[in-house]
Amino acid sequence: MDLPPQQPSAQFLSLEESAKVDAALLSSSEKFLTRLTISSLKLLKHIAQEYDVAIEDLTTPQVISWFEKDSKIRLEQGIEASYLKW
């Protein structure tokens, strides 16, 4: 199932989410891990949607395959065609 690429703000933390993490009573390293975890959850939701499975049913091979596919798209069609914009 091909879905249109998402805006970078949909992939990572919104300004509101980032502000909430900043306001949390956490150390700098805990805030970093929190941001990473929230961003990862968003990405896993997207991958699950592409595979049309529940996030709990994603497998390691599916996640790896998704990253390989997105990387191939970025290499062949450019960064704007890929989901991840890095």
PDB file of N, CA and C in Angstrom:
ATOM      1  N   MET A   1       0.847  -1.166   0.000  1.00  0.00           N
ATOM      2  CA  MET A   1       0.000   0.000   0.000  1.00  0.00           C
ATOM      3  C   MET A   1       0.898   1.235   0.000  1.00  0.00           C
ATOM      4  N   ASP A   2       0.806   2.056  -1.025  1.00  0.00           N
ATOM      5  CA  ASP A   2       1.609   3.274  -1.105  1.00  0.00           C
ATOM      6  C   ASP A   2       0.826   4.442  -0.540  1.00  0.00           C
ATOM      7  N   LEU A   3       1.418   5.115   0.442  1.00  0.00           N
ATOM      8  CA  LEU A   3       0.816   6.289   1.043  1.00  0.00           C
ATOM      9  C   LEU A   3       1.636   7.505   0.679  1.00  0.00           C
ATOM     10  N   PRO A   4       1.017   8.674   0.588  1.00  0.00           N
ATOM     11  CA  PRO A   4       1.794   9.869   0.266  1.00  0.00           C
ATOM     12  C   PRO A   4       2.765  10.182   1.400  1.00  0.00           C
ATOM     13  N   PRO A   5       3.917  10.747   1.064  1.00  0.00           N
ATOM     14  CA  PRO A   5       4.874  11.111   2.107  1.00  0.00           C
ATOM     15  C   PRO A   5       4.246  12.088   3.098  1.00  0.00           C
ATOM     16  N   GLN A   6       4.646  11.971   4.348  1.00  0.00           N
ATOM     17  CA  GLN A   6       4.146  12.850   5.388  1.00  0.00           C
ATOM     18  C   GLN A   6       5.070  14.056   5.519  1.00  0.00           C
ATOM     19  N   GLN A   7       4.525  15.142   6.030  1.00  0.00           N
ATOM     20  CA  GLN A   7       5.341  16.310   6.320  1.00  0.00           C
ATOM     21  C   GLN A   7       6.278  15.957   7.472  1.00  0.00           C
ATOM     22  N   PRO A   8       7.467  16.555   7.527  1.00  0.00           N
ATOM     23  CA  PRO A   8       8.391  16.247   8.608  1.00  0.00           C
ATOM     24  C   PRO A   8       7.771  16.413   9.988  1.00  0.00           C
ATOM     25  N   SER A   9       6.870  17.367  10.166  1.00  0.00           N
ATOM     26  CA  SER A   9       6.263  17.556  11.481  1.00  0.00           C
ATOM     27  C   SER A   9       5.437  16.342  11.885  1.00  0.00           C
ATOM     28  N   ALA A  10       4.939  15.585  10.926  1.00  0.00           N
ATOM     29  CA  ALA A  10       4.168  14.388  11.239  1.00  0.00           C
ATOM     30  C   ALA A  10       5.085  13.245  11.652  1.00  0.00           C
ATOM     31  N   GLN A  11       6.342  13.309  11.247  1.00  0.00           N
ATOM     32  CA  GLN A  11       7.279  12.245  11.559  1.00  0.00           C
ATOM     33  C   GLN A  11       7.875  12.396  12.940  1.00  0.00           C
ATOM     34  N   PHE A  12       8.067  13.610  13.354  1.00  0.00           N
ATOM     35  CA  PHE A  12       8.787  13.875  14.584  1.00  0.00           C
ATOM     36  C   PHE A  12       7.898  14.654  15.537  1.00  0.00           C
ATOM     37  N   LEU A  13       8.440  15.198  16.577  1.00  0.00           N
ATOM     38  CA  LEU A  13       7.641  15.895  17.574  1.00  0.00           C
ATOM     39  C   LEU A  13       7.110  17.226  17.065  1.00  0.00           C
ATOM     40  N   SER A  14       5.868  17.488  17.416  1.00  0.00           N
ATOM     41  CA  SER A  14       5.302  18.799  17.145  1.00  0.00           C
ATOM     42  C   SER A  14       5.889  19.773  18.161  1.00  0.00           C
ATOM     43  N   LEU A  15       5.677  21.055  17.936  1.00  0.00           N
ATOM     44  CA  LEU A  15       6.157  22.047  18.895  1.00  0.00           C
ATOM     45  C   LEU A  15       5.502  21.837  20.258  1.00  0.00           C
ATOM     46  N   GLU A  16       4.223  21.495  20.257  1.00  0.00           N
ATOM     47  CA  GLU A  16       3.511  21.253  21.519  1.00  0.00           C
ATOM     48  C   GLU A  16       4.086  20.045  22.263  1.00  0.00           C
ATOM     49  N   GLU A  17       4.341  18.966  21.522  1.00  0.00           N
ATOM     50  CA  GLU A  17       4.919  17.776  22.154  1.00  0.00           C
ATOM     51  C   GLU A  17       6.305  18.073  22.710  1.00  0.00           C
ATOM     52  N   SER A  18       7.090  18.795  21.939  1.00  0.00           N
ATOM     53  CA  SER A  18       8.436  19.151  22.392  1.00  0.00           C
ATOM     54  C   SER A  18       8.382  20.003  23.656  1.00  0.00           C
ATOM     55  N   ALA A  19       7.442  20.932  23.709  1.00  0.00           N
ATOM     56  CA  ALA A  19       7.287  21.781  24.891  1.00  0.00           C
ATOM     57  C   ALA A  19       6.893  20.956  26.112  1.00  0.00           C
ATOM     58  N   LYS A  20       6.038  19.970  25.896  1.00  0.00           N
ATOM     59  CA  LYS A  20       5.634  19.098  27.004  1.00  0.00           C
ATOM     60  C   LYS A  20       6.826  18.294  27.536  1.00  0.00           C
ATOM     61  N   VAL A  21       7.678  17.805  26.614  1.00  0.00           N
ATOM     62  CA  VAL A  21       8.872  17.073  27.046  1.00  0.00           C
ATOM     63  C   VAL A  21       9.796  18.022  27.799  1.00  0.00           C
ATOM     64  N   ASP A  22       9.982  19.229  27.279  1.00  0.00           N
ATOM     65  CA  ASP A  22      10.836  20.213  27.951  1.00  0.00           C
ATOM     66  C   ASP A  22      10.343  20.514  29.360  1.00  0.00           C
ATOM     67  N   ALA A  23       9.026  20.551  29.546  1.00  0.00           N
ATOM     68  CA  ALA A  23       8.456  20.890  30.847  1.00  0.00           C
ATOM     69  C   ALA A  23       8.504  19.722  31.837  1.00  0.00           C
ATOM     70  N   ALA A  24       8.743  18.519  31.327  1.00  0.00           N
ATOM     71  CA  ALA A  24       8.772  17.353  32.206  1.00  0.00           C
ATOM     72  C   ALA A  24       9.966  17.416  33.157  1.00  0.00           C
ATOM     73  N   LEU A  25       9.788  16.850  34.306  1.00  0.00           N
ATOM     74  CA  LEU A  25      10.860  16.820  35.304  1.00  0.00           C
ATOM     75  C   LEU A  25      11.791  15.648  35.015  1.00  0.00           C
ATOM     76  N   LEU A  26      12.554  15.821  33.941  1.00  0.00           N
ATOM     77  CA  LEU A  26      13.472  14.783  33.482  1.00  0.00           C
ATOM     78  C   LEU A  26      14.848  15.373  33.261  1.00  0.00           C
ATOM     79  N   SER A  27      15.864  14.516  33.319  1.00  0.00           N
ATOM     80  CA  SER A  27      17.217  14.951  32.986  1.00  0.00           C
ATOM     81  C   SER A  27      17.315  15.144  31.473  1.00  0.00           C
ATOM     82  N   SER A  28      18.389  15.758  31.030  1.00  0.00           N
ATOM     83  CA  SER A  28      18.586  15.982  29.584  1.00  0.00           C
ATOM     84  C   SER A  28      18.592  14.663  28.822  1.00  0.00           C
ATOM     85  N   SER A  29      19.273  13.661  29.351  1.00  0.00           N
ATOM     86  CA  SER A  29      19.327  12.375  28.642  1.00  0.00           C
ATOM     87  C   SER A  29      17.960  11.697  28.636  1.00  0.00           C
ATOM     88  N   GLU A  30      17.185  11.855  29.700  1.00  0.00           N
ATOM     89  CA  GLU A  30      15.839  11.292  29.728  1.00  0.00           C
ATOM     90  C   GLU A  30      14.920  12.016  28.744  1.00  0.00           C
ATOM     91  N   LYS A  31      15.076  13.324  28.612  1.00  0.00           N
ATOM     92  CA  LYS A  31      14.284  14.084  27.635  1.00  0.00           C
ATOM     93  C   LYS A  31      14.628  13.644  26.214  1.00  0.00           C
ATOM     94  N   PHE A  32      15.918  13.429  25.947  1.00  0.00           N
ATOM     95  CA  PHE A  32      16.323  12.951  24.625  1.00  0.00           C
ATOM     96  C   PHE A  32      15.673  11.597  24.332  1.00  0.00           C
ATOM     97  N   LEU A  33      15.749  10.680  25.287  1.00  0.00           N
ATOM     98  CA  LEU A  33      15.167   9.359  25.099  1.00  0.00           C
ATOM     99  C   LEU A  33      13.649   9.449  24.927  1.00  0.00           C
ATOM    100  N   THR A  34      13.009  10.344  25.644  1.00  0.00           N
ATOM    101  CA  THR A  34      11.567  10.537  25.514  1.00  0.00           C
ATOM    102  C   THR A  34      11.215  11.024  24.110  1.00  0.00           C
ATOM    103  N   ARG A  35      11.961  12.009  23.606  1.00  0.00           N
ATOM    104  CA  ARG A  35      11.715  12.511  22.240  1.00  0.00           C
ATOM    105  C   ARG A  35      11.924  11.394  21.212  1.00  0.00           C
ATOM    106  N   LEU A  36      12.989  10.634  21.388  1.00  0.00           N
ATOM    107  CA  LEU A  36      13.285   9.533  20.479  1.00  0.00           C
ATOM    108  C   LEU A  36      12.171   8.491  20.497  1.00  0.00           C
ATOM    109  N   THR A  37      11.671   8.188  21.679  1.00  0.00           N
ATOM    110  CA  THR A  37      10.618   7.185  21.814  1.00  0.00           C
ATOM    111  C   THR A  37       9.322   7.653  21.174  1.00  0.00           C
ATOM    112  N   ILE A  38       8.951   8.899  21.391  1.00  0.00           N
ATOM    113  CA  ILE A  38       7.723   9.437  20.778  1.00  0.00           C
ATOM    114  C   ILE A  38       7.850   9.438  19.257  1.00  0.00           C
ATOM    115  N   SER A  39       8.999   9.867  18.751  1.00  0.00           N
ATOM    116  CA  SER A  39       9.223   9.873  17.301  1.00  0.00           C
ATOM    117  C   SER A  39       9.186   8.452  16.743  1.00  0.00           C
ATOM    118  N   SER A  40       9.778   7.516  17.468  1.00  0.00           N
ATOM    119  CA  SER A  40       9.785   6.114  17.030  1.00  0.00           C
ATOM    120  C   SER A  40       8.382   5.545  16.995  1.00  0.00           C
ATOM    121  N   LEU A  41       7.578   5.883  17.989  1.00  0.00           N
ATOM    122  CA  LEU A  41       6.197   5.417  18.010  1.00  0.00           C
ATOM    123  C   LEU A  41       5.436   5.918  16.781  1.00  0.00           C
ATOM    124  N   LYS A  42       5.624   7.187  16.437  1.00  0.00           N
ATOM    125  CA  LYS A  42       4.965   7.737  15.251  1.00  0.00           C
ATOM    126  C   LYS A  42       5.406   6.994  13.990  1.00  0.00           C
ATOM    127  N   LEU A  43       6.691   6.722  13.891  1.00  0.00           N
ATOM    128  CA  LEU A  43       7.204   6.021  12.717  1.00  0.00           C
ATOM    129  C   LEU A  43       6.678   4.588  12.669  1.00  0.00           C
ATOM    130  N   LEU A  44       6.643   3.912  13.806  1.00  0.00           N
ATOM    131  CA  LEU A  44       6.113   2.541  13.826  1.00  0.00           C
ATOM    132  C   LEU A  44       4.634   2.514  13.452  1.00  0.00           C
ATOM    133  N   LYS A  45       3.875   3.515  13.868  1.00  0.00           N
ATOM    134  CA  LYS A  45       2.465   3.597  13.473  1.00  0.00           C
ATOM    135  C   LYS A  45       2.354   3.726  11.960  1.00  0.00           C
ATOM    136  N   HIS A  46       3.217   4.555  11.367  1.00  0.00           N
ATOM    137  CA  HIS A  46       3.207   4.730   9.913  1.00  0.00           C
ATOM    138  C   HIS A  46       3.562   3.417   9.208  1.00  0.00           C
ATOM    139  N   ILE A  47       4.594   2.744   9.685  1.00  0.00           N
ATOM    140  CA  ILE A  47       5.015   1.477   9.068  1.00  0.00           C
ATOM    141  C   ILE A  47       3.891   0.447   9.179  1.00  0.00           C
ATOM    142  N   ALA A  48       3.264   0.351  10.338  1.00  0.00           N
ATOM    143  CA  ALA A  48       2.166  -0.597  10.527  1.00  0.00           C
ATOM    144  C   ALA A  48       1.022  -0.296   9.559  1.00  0.00           C
ATOM    145  N   GLN A  49       0.731   0.993   9.369  1.00  0.00           N
ATOM    146  CA  GLN A  49      -0.326   1.382   8.445  1.00  0.00           C
ATOM    147  C   GLN A  49       0.029   0.957   7.021  1.00  0.00           C
ATOM    148  N   GLU A  50       1.281   1.127   6.634  1.00  0.00           N
ATOM    149  CA  GLU A  50       1.686   0.712   5.283  1.00  0.00           C
ATOM    150  C   GLU A  50       1.552  -0.792   5.083  1.00  0.00           C
ATOM    151  N   TYR A  51       1.838  -1.570   6.121  1.00  0.00           N
ATOM    152  CA  TYR A  51       1.709  -3.027   6.036  1.00  0.00           C
ATOM    153  C   TYR A  51       0.301  -3.505   6.355  1.00  0.00           C
ATOM    154  N   ASP A  52      -0.569  -2.562   6.745  1.00  0.00           N
ATOM    155  CA  ASP A  52      -1.953  -2.878   7.090  1.00  0.00           C
ATOM    156  C   ASP A  52      -2.017  -3.931   8.195  1.00  0.00           C
ATOM    157  N   VAL A  53      -1.219  -3.690   9.232  1.00  0.00           N
ATOM    158  CA  VAL A  53      -1.219  -4.560  10.415  1.00  0.00           C
ATOM    159  C   VAL A  53      -1.268  -3.682  11.663  1.00  0.00           C
ATOM    160  N   ALA A  54      -1.649  -4.285  12.756  1.00  0.00           N
ATOM    161  CA  ALA A  54      -1.598  -3.578  14.032  1.00  0.00           C
ATOM    162  C   ALA A  54      -0.136  -3.377  14.403  1.00  0.00           C
ATOM    163  N   ILE A  55       0.155  -2.288  15.066  1.00  0.00           N
ATOM    164  CA  ILE A  55       1.541  -1.993  15.435  1.00  0.00           C
ATOM    165  C   ILE A  55       2.152  -3.151  16.242  1.00  0.00           C
ATOM    166  N   GLU A  56       1.327  -3.799  17.058  1.00  0.00           N
ATOM    167  CA  GLU A  56       1.813  -4.919  17.870  1.00  0.00           C
ATOM    168  C   GLU A  56       2.222  -6.119  17.018  1.00  0.00           C
ATOM    169  N   ASP A  57       1.702  -6.178  15.801  1.00  0.00           N
ATOM    170  CA  ASP A  57       1.983  -7.309  14.921  1.00  0.00           C
ATOM    171  C   ASP A  57       3.145  -7.069  13.965  1.00  0.00           C
ATOM    172  N   LEU A  58       3.725  -5.887  14.016  1.00  0.00           N
ATOM    173  CA  LEU A  58       4.908  -5.634  13.177  1.00  0.00           C
ATOM    174  C   LEU A  58       6.028  -6.574  13.576  1.00  0.00           C
ATOM    175  N   THR A  59       6.756  -7.018  12.589  1.00  0.00           N
ATOM    176  CA  THR A  59       7.898  -7.895  12.860  1.00  0.00           C
ATOM    177  C   THR A  59       9.199  -7.149  12.557  1.00  0.00           C
ATOM    178  N   THR A  60      10.264  -7.635  13.111  1.00  0.00           N
ATOM    179  CA  THR A  60      11.572  -7.044  12.838  1.00  0.00           C
ATOM    180  C   THR A  60      11.873  -7.052  11.337  1.00  0.00           C
ATOM    181  N   PRO A  61      11.633  -8.172  10.626  1.00  0.00           N
ATOM    182  CA  PRO A  61      11.883  -8.150   9.174  1.00  0.00           C
ATOM    183  C   PRO A  61      11.053  -7.094   8.437  1.00  0.00           C
ATOM    184  N   GLN A  62       9.818  -6.844   8.867  1.00  0.00           N
ATOM    185  CA  GLN A  62       9.001  -5.819   8.216  1.00  0.00           C
ATOM    186  C   GLN A  62       9.596  -4.433   8.433  1.00  0.00           C
ATOM    187  N   VAL A  63      10.057  -4.153   9.639  1.00  0.00           N
ATOM    188  CA  VAL A  63      10.648  -2.845   9.926  1.00  0.00           C
ATOM    189  C   VAL A  63      11.916  -2.658   9.103  1.00  0.00           C
ATOM    190  N   ILE A  64      12.749  -3.671   9.056  1.00  0.00           N
ATOM    191  CA  ILE A  64      13.982  -3.599   8.265  1.00  0.00           C
ATOM    192  C   ILE A  64      13.648  -3.402   6.790  1.00  0.00           C
ATOM    193  N   SER A  65      12.691  -4.163   6.296  1.00  0.00           N
ATOM    194  CA  SER A  65      12.291  -4.057   4.890  1.00  0.00           C
ATOM    195  C   SER A  65      11.766  -2.665   4.577  1.00  0.00           C
ATOM    196  N   TRP A  66      10.988  -2.087   5.494  1.00  0.00           N
ATOM    197  CA  TRP A  66      10.454  -0.747   5.286  1.00  0.00           C
ATOM    198  C   TRP A  66      11.590   0.265   5.168  1.00  0.00           C
ATOM    199  N   PHE A  67      12.584   0.177   6.058  1.00  0.00           N
ATOM    200  CA  PHE A  67      13.721   1.103   5.994  1.00  0.00           C
ATOM    201  C   PHE A  67      14.507   0.916   4.701  1.00  0.00           C
ATOM    202  N   GLU A  68      14.681  -0.335   4.267  1.00  0.00           N
ATOM    203  CA  GLU A  68      15.368  -0.586   2.998  1.00  0.00           C
ATOM    204  C   GLU A  68      14.605   0.040   1.836  1.00  0.00           C
ATOM    205  N   LYS A  69      13.272  -0.119   1.842  1.00  0.00           N
ATOM    206  CA  LYS A  69      12.446   0.442   0.778  1.00  0.00           C
ATOM    207  C   LYS A  69      12.527   1.967   0.768  1.00  0.00           C
ATOM    208  N   ASP A  70      12.430   2.592   1.939  1.00  0.00           N
ATOM    209  CA  ASP A  70      12.479   4.046   2.011  1.00  0.00           C
ATOM    210  C   ASP A  70      13.851   4.557   1.573  1.00  0.00           C
ATOM    211  N   SER A  71      14.899   3.843   1.948  1.00  0.00           N
ATOM    212  CA  SER A  71      16.255   4.224   1.538  1.00  0.00           C
ATOM    213  C   SER A  71      16.414   4.127   0.022  1.00  0.00           C
ATOM    214  N   LYS A  72      15.856   3.077  -0.551  1.00  0.00           N
ATOM    215  CA  LYS A  72      15.936   2.889  -2.007  1.00  0.00           C
ATOM    216  C   LYS A  72      15.188   4.023  -2.724  1.00  0.00           C
ATOM    217  N   ILE A  73      14.028   4.370  -2.216  1.00  0.00           N
ATOM    218  CA  ILE A  73      13.260   5.479  -2.806  1.00  0.00           C
ATOM    219  C   ILE A  73      14.082   6.763  -2.750  1.00  0.00           C
ATOM    220  N   ARG A  74      14.704   7.028  -1.589  1.00  0.00           N
ATOM    221  CA  ARG A  74      15.514   8.245  -1.419  1.00  0.00           C
ATOM    222  C   ARG A  74      16.670   8.259  -2.411  1.00  0.00           C
ATOM    223  N   LEU A  75      17.336   7.119  -2.601  1.00  0.00           N
ATOM    224  CA  LEU A  75      18.470   7.048  -3.521  1.00  0.00           C
ATOM    225  C   LEU A  75      18.042   7.192  -4.983  1.00  0.00           C
ATOM    226  N   GLU A  76      16.930   6.562  -5.355  1.00  0.00           N
ATOM    227  CA  GLU A  76      16.499   6.536  -6.748  1.00  0.00           C
ATOM    228  C   GLU A  76      15.658   7.751  -7.154  1.00  0.00           C
ATOM    229  N   GLN A  77      14.855   8.292  -6.208  1.00  0.00           N
ATOM    230  CA  GLN A  77      13.917   9.347  -6.574  1.00  0.00           C
ATOM    231  C   GLN A  77      14.182  10.669  -5.856  1.00  0.00           C
ATOM    232  N   GLY A  78      15.066  10.644  -4.900  1.00  0.00           N
ATOM    233  CA  GLY A  78      15.392  11.861  -4.162  1.00  0.00           C
ATOM    234  C   GLY A  78      14.699  11.901  -2.813  1.00  0.00           C
ATOM    235  N   ILE A  79      15.226  12.753  -1.962  1.00  0.00           N
ATOM    236  CA  ILE A  79      14.760  12.824  -0.582  1.00  0.00           C
ATOM    237  C   ILE A  79      13.294  13.209  -0.464  1.00  0.00           C
ATOM    238  N   GLU A  80      12.791  14.024  -1.374  1.00  0.00           N
ATOM    239  CA  GLU A  80      11.391  14.454  -1.289  1.00  0.00           C
ATOM    240  C   GLU A  80      10.415  13.307  -1.550  1.00  0.00           C
ATOM    241  N   ALA A  81      10.855  12.271  -2.244  1.00  0.00           N
ATOM    242  CA  ALA A  81       9.985  11.128  -2.535  1.00  0.00           C
ATOM    243  C   ALA A  81       9.955  10.131  -1.389  1.00  0.00           C
ATOM    244  N   SER A  82      10.946  10.178  -0.516  1.00  0.00           N
ATOM    245  CA  SER A  82      11.016   9.239   0.597  1.00  0.00           C
ATOM    246  C   SER A  82      10.187   9.747   1.777  1.00  0.00           C
ATOM    247  N   TYR A  83       9.887   8.854   2.702  1.00  0.00           N
ATOM    248  CA  TYR A  83       9.125   9.248   3.890  1.00  0.00           C
ATOM    249  C   TYR A  83      10.014   9.981   4.881  1.00  0.00           C
ATOM    250  N   LEU A  84      11.189   9.407   5.148  1.00  0.00           N
ATOM    251  CA  LEU A  84      12.120  10.041   6.086  1.00  0.00           C
ATOM    252  C   LEU A  84      12.938  11.084   5.341  1.00  0.00           C
ATOM    253  N   LYS A  85      12.998  12.258   5.901  1.00  0.00           N
ATOM    254  CA  LYS A  85      13.681  13.378   5.244  1.00  0.00           C
ATOM    255  C   LYS A  85      15.001  13.685   5.929  1.00  0.00           C
ATOM    256  N   TRP A  86      15.938  12.746   5.904  1.00  0.00           N
ATOM    257  CA  TRP A  86      17.241  13.009   6.507  1.00  0.00           C
ATOM    258  C   TRP A  86      18.335  12.577   5.602  1.00  0.00           C
TER     259      TRP A  86
END
